[in-house]
Amino acid sequence: MDNWALGKCKVFLKYYHMEQLARVFEERNKKVVIIQSAVRMWQAQNKFLKLKWQREKAVVKIQSFARMVNARKGYMQSKKRRIQAAILVQKSVKGFMARKKVQPKIKEHRRQMEAAVVIQSKWRSFAAMKERKHLLAEKKRLDELLLVEQQRIEREKKQRQEEERRRQEEEKKIAEEEARKERGRKGKRKQQKEVKFQTDSAIKIQRGK
């Protein structure tokens, strides 16, 4: 680029200088854009590779952690099964030893319980027989009292009947005596009437004479 001048504070250019500068600016701008795109591509590739490496590393870590968790889980389950098996074996052995140790005591206790049951049954039988005898004696005593009471009632009944019969006989005798006295009084009145009639007849006869 020629035919241009530089002042104190300005640059003096021709009219065609602007087109030249514009073309230069466009060419440089394109180069800058190409460089920027190349740099950005390089940065993006680096970033992608870094992210890919980090992701692969993270996947490896996750896989290792998952394998660790699975291994630990399997180990804990295996350990738990072994512990349960050991506990079961210990329980079986302890139970066998305890049964072996306690079996004579159990037999003795069972024998004592059977003996106690026999004693209780005998005692209950004896108590039942004693109670039965007592009840029979009480029943006999009550029967005797009932018989005595019935005899007393029967005697009182007979006594009342005898008193009633005597009272009736006395009433009958009194009635007969009253009837006899009444007949005697009637006979006397009749005799008195006959005597009076005869006396009156005799008086009338005498008066008639």
C-alpha atoms as a PDB file:
ATOM      1  CA  MET A   1       0.000   0.000   0.000  1.00  0.00           C
ATOM      2  CA  ASP A   2       1.535   3.369  -1.108  1.00  0.00           C
ATOM      3  CA  ASN A   3       0.539   7.025  -1.530  1.00  0.00           C
ATOM      4  CA  TRP A   4      -0.460   7.551   2.104  1.00  0.00           C
ATOM      5  CA  ALA A   5       0.830  10.037   4.683  1.00  0.00           C
ATOM      6  CA  LEU A   6       1.102  10.111   8.443  1.00  0.00           C
ATOM      7  CA  GLY A   7       0.257  13.292  10.332  1.00  0.00           C
ATOM      8  CA  LYS A   8       0.565  14.199  14.010  1.00  0.00           C
ATOM      9  CA  CYS A   9      -2.679  12.642  14.989  1.00  0.00           C
ATOM     10  CA  LYS A  10      -4.175  11.343  11.752  1.00  0.00           C
ATOM     11  CA  VAL A  11      -3.364   9.044   8.865  1.00  0.00           C
ATOM     12  CA  PHE A  12      -4.086  10.380   5.434  1.00  0.00           C
ATOM     13  CA  LEU A  13      -5.200   7.729   2.956  1.00  0.00           C
ATOM     14  CA  LYS A  14      -6.546   7.607  -0.556  1.00  0.00           C
ATOM     15  CA  TYR A  15     -10.028   6.415  -1.358  1.00  0.00           C
ATOM     16  CA  TYR A  16      -8.812   3.045  -2.636  1.00  0.00           C
ATOM     17  CA  HIS A  17      -6.809   2.462   0.501  1.00  0.00           C
ATOM     18  CA  MET A  18     -10.045   1.606   2.380  1.00  0.00           C
ATOM     19  CA  GLU A  19     -10.828  -1.212  -0.026  1.00  0.00           C
ATOM     20  CA  GLN A  20      -7.262  -2.529   0.267  1.00  0.00           C
ATOM     21  CA  LEU A  21      -7.444  -2.318   4.047  1.00  0.00           C
ATOM     22  CA  ALA A  22     -10.857  -4.011   4.010  1.00  0.00           C
ATOM     23  CA  ARG A  23      -9.469  -6.843   1.848  1.00  0.00           C
ATOM     24  CA  VAL A  24      -6.436  -7.183   4.113  1.00  0.00           C
ATOM     25  CA  PHE A  25      -8.699  -7.107   7.184  1.00  0.00           C
ATOM     26  CA  GLU A  26     -10.925  -9.795   5.717  1.00  0.00           C
ATOM     27  CA  GLU A  27      -7.931 -11.977   4.798  1.00  0.00           C
ATOM     28  CA  ARG A  28      -6.399 -11.548   8.244  1.00  0.00           C
ATOM     29  CA  ASN A  29      -9.791 -12.022   9.860  1.00  0.00           C
ATOM     30  CA  LYS A  30     -10.232 -15.285   7.974  1.00  0.00           C
ATOM     31  CA  LYS A  31      -6.786 -16.392   9.065  1.00  0.00           C
ATOM     32  CA  VAL A  32      -7.587 -15.413  12.640  1.00  0.00           C
ATOM     33  CA  VAL A  33     -10.860 -17.306  12.470  1.00  0.00           C
ATOM     34  CA  ILE A  34      -9.031 -20.343  11.059  1.00  0.00           C
ATOM     35  CA  ILE A  35      -6.443 -20.113  13.831  1.00  0.00           C
ATOM     36  CA  GLN A  36      -9.140 -19.631  16.479  1.00  0.00           C
ATOM     37  CA  SER A  37     -11.123 -22.573  15.121  1.00  0.00           C
ATOM     38  CA  ALA A  38      -7.959 -24.696  15.094  1.00  0.00           C
ATOM     39  CA  VAL A  39      -7.165 -23.645  18.657  1.00  0.00           C
ATOM     40  CA  ARG A  40     -10.744 -24.246  19.773  1.00  0.00           C
ATOM     41  CA  MET A  41     -10.727 -27.636  18.035  1.00  0.00           C
ATOM     42  CA  TRP A  42      -7.476 -28.487  19.783  1.00  0.00           C
ATOM     43  CA  GLN A  43      -8.887 -27.330  23.114  1.00  0.00           C
ATOM     44  CA  ALA A  44     -12.119 -29.253  22.514  1.00  0.00           C
ATOM     45  CA  GLN A  45     -10.120 -32.366  21.566  1.00  0.00           C
ATOM     46  CA  ASN A  46      -8.005 -31.998  24.677  1.00  0.00           C
ATOM     47  CA  LYS A  47     -11.101 -31.429  26.792  1.00  0.00           C
ATOM     48  CA  PHE A  48     -12.882 -34.403  25.214  1.00  0.00           C
ATOM     49  CA  LEU A  49      -9.847 -36.619  25.673  1.00  0.00           C
ATOM     50  CA  LYS A  50      -9.526 -35.426  29.263  1.00  0.00           C
ATOM     51  CA  LEU A  51     -13.256 -36.030  29.908  1.00  0.00           C
ATOM     52  CA  LYS A  52     -12.983 -39.419  28.199  1.00  0.00           C
ATOM     53  CA  TRP A  53      -9.986 -40.311  30.343  1.00  0.00           C
ATOM     54  CA  GLN A  54     -11.780 -39.061  33.481  1.00  0.00           C
ATOM     55  CA  ARG A  55     -14.926 -40.989  32.514  1.00  0.00           C
ATOM     56  CA  GLU A  56     -12.936 -44.161  31.898  1.00  0.00           C
ATOM     57  CA  LYS A  57     -11.169 -43.607  35.195  1.00  0.00           C
ATOM     58  CA  ALA A  58     -14.525 -43.019  36.898  1.00  0.00           C
ATOM     59  CA  VAL A  59     -15.950 -46.156  35.243  1.00  0.00           C
ATOM     60  CA  VAL A  60     -12.947 -48.134  36.426  1.00  0.00           C
ATOM     61  CA  LYS A  61     -13.379 -46.731  39.931  1.00  0.00           C
ATOM     62  CA  ILE A  62     -17.109 -47.501  39.875  1.00  0.00           C
ATOM     63  CA  GLN A  63     -16.430 -51.006  38.616  1.00  0.00           C
ATOM     64  CA  SER A  64     -13.775 -51.567  41.244  1.00  0.00           C
ATOM     65  CA  PHE A  65     -16.074 -50.191  43.935  1.00  0.00           C
ATOM     66  CA  ALA A  66     -18.942 -52.387  42.689  1.00  0.00           C
ATOM     67  CA  ARG A  67     -16.638 -55.420  42.628  1.00  0.00           C
ATOM     68  CA  MET A  68     -15.466 -54.504  46.123  1.00  0.00           C
ATOM     69  CA  VAL A  69     -19.070 -54.173  47.340  1.00  0.00           C
ATOM     70  CA  ASN A  70     -20.046 -57.473  45.720  1.00  0.00           C
ATOM     71  CA  ALA A  71     -16.962 -59.187  47.124  1.00  0.00           C
ATOM     72  CA  ARG A  72     -17.602 -57.727  50.570  1.00  0.00           C
ATOM     73  CA  LYS A  73     -21.276 -58.697  50.370  1.00  0.00           C
ATOM     74  CA  GLY A  74     -20.355 -62.225  49.306  1.00  0.00           C
ATOM     75  CA  TYR A  75     -17.741 -62.419  52.046  1.00  0.00           C
ATOM     76  CA  MET A  76     -20.223 -61.159  54.671  1.00  0.00           C
ATOM     77  CA  GLN A  77     -22.855 -63.609  53.493  1.00  0.00           C
ATOM     78  CA  SER A  78     -20.340 -66.426  53.550  1.00  0.00           C
ATOM     79  CA  LYS A  79     -19.132 -65.305  56.954  1.00  0.00           C
ATOM     80  CA  LYS A  80     -22.719 -65.062  58.202  1.00  0.00           C
ATOM     81  CA  ARG A  81     -23.469 -68.553  56.887  1.00  0.00           C
ATOM     82  CA  ARG A  82     -20.318 -69.893  58.526  1.00  0.00           C
ATOM     83  CA  ILE A  83     -21.229 -68.161  61.792  1.00  0.00           C
ATOM     84  CA  GLN A  84     -24.795 -69.509  61.628  1.00  0.00           C
ATOM     85  CA  ALA A  85     -23.472 -72.975  60.853  1.00  0.00           C
ATOM     86  CA  ALA A  86     -21.013 -72.701  63.743  1.00  0.00           C
ATOM     87  CA  ILE A  87     -23.790 -71.461  66.051  1.00  0.00           C
ATOM     88  CA  LEU A  88     -26.029 -74.315  64.947  1.00  0.00           C
ATOM     89  CA  VAL A  89     -23.267 -76.834  65.558  1.00  0.00           C
ATOM     90  CA  GLN A  90     -22.532 -75.249  68.942  1.00  0.00           C
ATOM     91  CA  LYS A  91     -26.220 -75.298  69.851  1.00  0.00           C
ATOM     92  CA  SER A  92     -26.498 -78.930  68.826  1.00  0.00           C
ATOM     93  CA  VAL A  93     -23.386 -79.883  70.791  1.00  0.00           C
ATOM     94  CA  LYS A  94     -24.455 -77.835  73.823  1.00  0.00           C
ATOM     95  CA  GLY A  95     -27.961 -79.291  73.634  1.00  0.00           C
ATOM     96  CA  PHE A  96     -26.567 -82.821  73.404  1.00  0.00           C
ATOM     97  CA  MET A  97     -24.197 -82.213  76.323  1.00  0.00           C
ATOM     98  CA  ALA A  98     -26.942 -80.562  78.382  1.00  0.00           C
ATOM     99  CA  ARG A  99     -29.380 -83.404  77.649  1.00  0.00           C
ATOM    100  CA  LYS A 100     -26.709 -85.943  78.469  1.00  0.00           C
ATOM    101  CA  LYS A 101     -26.001 -84.107  81.721  1.00  0.00           C
ATOM    102  CA  VAL A 102     -29.622 -83.478  82.664  1.00  0.00           C
ATOM    103  CA  GLN A 103     -31.066 -86.806  81.485  1.00  0.00           C
ATOM    104  CA  PRO A 104     -30.527 -88.578  84.860  1.00  0.00           C
ATOM    105  CA  LYS A 105     -32.052 -85.608  86.676  1.00  0.00           C
ATOM    106  CA  ILE A 106     -34.987 -85.652  84.269  1.00  0.00           C
ATOM    107  CA  LYS A 107     -35.486 -89.374  84.861  1.00  0.00           C
ATOM    108  CA  GLU A 108     -35.258 -88.853  88.618  1.00  0.00           C
ATOM    109  CA  HIS A 109     -37.660 -85.929  88.461  1.00  0.00           C
ATOM    110  CA  ARG A 110     -40.038 -87.961  86.302  1.00  0.00           C
ATOM    111  CA  ARG A 111     -39.845 -90.855  88.758  1.00  0.00           C
ATOM    112  CA  GLN A 112     -40.495 -88.460  91.640  1.00  0.00           C
ATOM    113  CA  MET A 113     -43.413 -86.917  89.762  1.00  0.00           C
ATOM    114  CA  GLU A 114     -44.878 -90.361  89.075  1.00  0.00           C
ATOM    115  CA  ALA A 115     -44.432 -91.285  92.734  1.00  0.00           C
ATOM    116  CA  ALA A 116     -46.013 -87.976  93.750  1.00  0.00           C
ATOM    117  CA  VAL A 117     -48.908 -88.655  91.388  1.00  0.00           C
ATOM    118  CA  VAL A 118     -49.380 -92.121  92.879  1.00  0.00           C
ATOM    119  CA  ILE A 119     -49.217 -90.697  96.423  1.00  0.00           C
ATOM    120  CA  GLN A 120     -51.660 -87.950  95.498  1.00  0.00           C
ATOM    121  CA  SER A 121     -54.036 -90.449  93.912  1.00  0.00           C
ATOM    122  CA  LYS A 122     -53.834 -92.702  96.982  1.00  0.00           C
ATOM    123  CA  TRP A 123     -54.337 -89.749  99.286  1.00  0.00           C
ATOM    124  CA  ARG A 124     -57.267 -88.506  97.239  1.00  0.00           C
ATOM    125  CA  SER A 125     -58.733 -92.007  97.255  1.00  0.00           C
ATOM    126  CA  PHE A 126     -58.282 -92.204 101.033  1.00  0.00           C
ATOM    127  CA  ALA A 127     -59.749 -88.732 101.488  1.00  0.00           C
ATOM    128  CA  ALA A 128     -62.638 -89.637  99.192  1.00  0.00           C
ATOM    129  CA  MET A 129     -63.304 -92.859 101.135  1.00  0.00           C
ATOM    130  CA  LYS A 130     -63.094 -90.944 104.400  1.00  0.00           C
ATOM    131  CA  GLU A 131     -65.414 -88.281 103.050  1.00  0.00           C
ATOM    132  CA  ARG A 132     -67.743 -90.993 101.752  1.00  0.00           C
ATOM    133  CA  LYS A 133     -67.809 -92.672 105.145  1.00  0.00           C
ATOM    134  CA  HIS A 134     -68.443 -89.334 106.779  1.00  0.00           C
ATOM    135  CA  LEU A 135     -71.210 -88.590 104.289  1.00  0.00           C
ATOM    136  CA  LEU A 136     -72.714 -92.049 104.794  1.00  0.00           C
ATOM    137  CA  ALA A 137     -72.581 -91.587 108.572  1.00  0.00           C
ATOM    138  CA  GLU A 138     -74.121 -88.148 108.199  1.00  0.00           C
ATOM    139  CA  LYS A 139     -76.757 -89.589 105.879  1.00  0.00           C
ATOM    140  CA  LYS A 140     -77.478 -92.366 108.373  1.00  0.00           C
ATOM    141  CA  ARG A 141     -77.733 -89.826 111.193  1.00  0.00           C
ATOM    142  CA  LEU A 142     -80.020 -87.639 109.104  1.00  0.00           C
ATOM    143  CA  ASP A 143     -82.099 -90.681 108.139  1.00  0.00           C
ATOM    144  CA  GLU A 144     -82.398 -91.620 111.795  1.00  0.00           C
ATOM    145  CA  LEU A 145     -83.369 -88.061 112.680  1.00  0.00           C
ATOM    146  CA  LEU A 146     -85.856 -88.068 109.832  1.00  0.00           C
ATOM    147  CA  LEU A 147     -87.254 -91.402 110.996  1.00  0.00           C
ATOM    148  CA  VAL A 148     -87.505 -90.118 114.555  1.00  0.00           C
ATOM    149  CA  GLU A 149     -89.171 -86.953 113.308  1.00  0.00           C
ATOM    150  CA  GLN A 150     -91.569 -88.986 111.171  1.00  0.00           C
ATOM    151  CA  GLN A 151     -92.355 -91.230 114.149  1.00  0.00           C
ATOM    152  CA  ARG A 152     -92.902 -88.159 116.304  1.00  0.00           C
ATOM    153  CA  ILE A 153     -95.173 -86.656 113.669  1.00  0.00           C
ATOM    154  CA  GLU A 154     -96.984 -89.977 113.355  1.00  0.00           C
ATOM    155  CA  ARG A 155     -97.385 -90.179 117.125  1.00  0.00           C
ATOM    156  CA  GLU A 156     -98.627 -86.626 117.268  1.00  0.00           C
ATOM    157  CA  LYS A 157    -101.008 -87.401 114.430  1.00  0.00           C
ATOM    158  CA  LYS A 158    -102.269 -90.504 116.196  1.00  0.00           C
ATOM    159  CA  GLN A 159    -102.500 -88.550 119.422  1.00  0.00           C
ATOM    160  CA  ARG A 160    -104.520 -85.840 117.717  1.00  0.00           C
ATOM    161  CA  GLN A 161    -106.705 -88.462 116.097  1.00  0.00           C
ATOM    162  CA  GLU A 162    -107.183 -90.165 119.481  1.00  0.00           C
ATOM    163  CA  GLU A 163    -107.975 -86.841 121.090  1.00  0.00           C
ATOM    164  CA  GLU A 164    -110.378 -86.066 118.284  1.00  0.00           C
ATOM    165  CA  ARG A 165    -111.992 -89.489 118.698  1.00  0.00           C
ATOM    166  CA  ARG A 166    -112.252 -88.982 122.465  1.00  0.00           C
ATOM    167  CA  ARG A 167    -113.645 -85.515 121.966  1.00  0.00           C
ATOM    168  CA  GLN A 168    -116.182 -86.863 119.502  1.00  0.00           C
ATOM    169  CA  GLU A 169    -117.078 -89.675 121.901  1.00  0.00           C
ATOM    170  CA  GLU A 170    -117.395 -87.191 124.749  1.00  0.00           C
ATOM    171  CA  GLU A 171    -119.497 -84.935 122.546  1.00  0.00           C
ATOM    172  CA  LYS A 172    -121.545 -87.943 121.568  1.00  0.00           C
ATOM    173  CA  LYS A 173    -121.956 -88.968 125.214  1.00  0.00           C
ATOM    174  CA  ILE A 174    -122.828 -85.406 126.124  1.00  0.00           C
ATOM    175  CA  ALA A 175    -125.315 -85.304 123.276  1.00  0.00           C
ATOM    176  CA  GLU A 176    -126.801 -88.647 124.347  1.00  0.00           C
ATOM    177  CA  GLU A 177    -126.940 -87.447 127.954  1.00  0.00           C
ATOM    178  CA  GLU A 178    -128.594 -84.237 126.841  1.00  0.00           C
ATOM    179  CA  ALA A 179    -131.006 -86.253 124.688  1.00  0.00           C
ATOM    180  CA  ARG A 180    -131.712 -88.601 127.591  1.00  0.00           C
ATOM    181  CA  LYS A 181    -132.227 -85.667 129.926  1.00  0.00           C
ATOM    182  CA  GLU A 182    -134.453 -84.030 127.348  1.00  0.00           C
ATOM    183  CA  ARG A 183    -136.475 -87.241 127.032  1.00  0.00           C
ATOM    184  CA  GLY A 184    -136.638 -87.423 130.837  1.00  0.00           C
ATOM    185  CA  ARG A 185    -137.831 -83.827 130.982  1.00  0.00           C
ATOM    186  CA  LYS A 186    -140.354 -84.483 128.230  1.00  0.00           C
ATOM    187  CA  GLY A 187    -141.540 -87.633 130.101  1.00  0.00           C
ATOM    188  CA  LYS A 188    -141.860 -85.664 133.305  1.00  0.00           C
ATOM    189  CA  ARG A 189    -143.765 -82.888 131.558  1.00  0.00           C
ATOM    190  CA  LYS A 190    -145.979 -85.525 129.950  1.00  0.00           C
ATOM    191  CA  GLN A 191    -146.529 -87.229 133.283  1.00  0.00           C
ATOM    192  CA  GLN A 192    -147.223 -83.855 134.854  1.00  0.00           C
ATOM    193  CA  LYS A 193    -149.682 -83.085 132.096  1.00  0.00           C
ATOM    194  CA  GLU A 194    -151.360 -86.503 132.560  1.00  0.00           C
ATOM    195  CA  VAL A 195    -151.439 -86.013 136.311  1.00  0.00           C
ATOM    196  CA  LYS A 196    -152.818 -82.545 135.862  1.00  0.00           C
ATOM    197  CA  PHE A 197    -155.336 -83.827 133.343  1.00  0.00           C
ATOM    198  CA  GLN A 198    -156.411 -86.596 135.661  1.00  0.00           C
ATOM    199  CA  THR A 199    -156.584 -84.113 138.526  1.00  0.00           C
ATOM    200  CA  ASP A 200    -158.590 -81.708 136.455  1.00  0.00           C
ATOM    201  CA  SER A 201    -160.865 -84.553 135.308  1.00  0.00           C
ATOM    202  CA  ALA A 202    -161.363 -85.687 138.859  1.00  0.00           C
ATOM    203  CA  ILE A 203    -162.119 -82.153 139.933  1.00  0.00           C
ATOM    204  CA  LYS A 204    -164.578 -81.738 137.118  1.00  0.00           C
ATOM    205  CA  ILE A 205    -166.214 -85.043 138.002  1.00  0.00           C
ATOM    206  CA  GLN A 206    -166.493 -84.066 141.599  1.00  0.00           C
ATOM    207  CA  ARG A 207    -167.962 -80.715 140.637  1.00  0.00           C
ATOM    208  CA  GLY A 208    -170.408 -82.426 138.377  1.00  0.00           C
ATOM    209  CA  LYS A 209    -171.631 -84.581 141.134  1.00  0.00           C
END
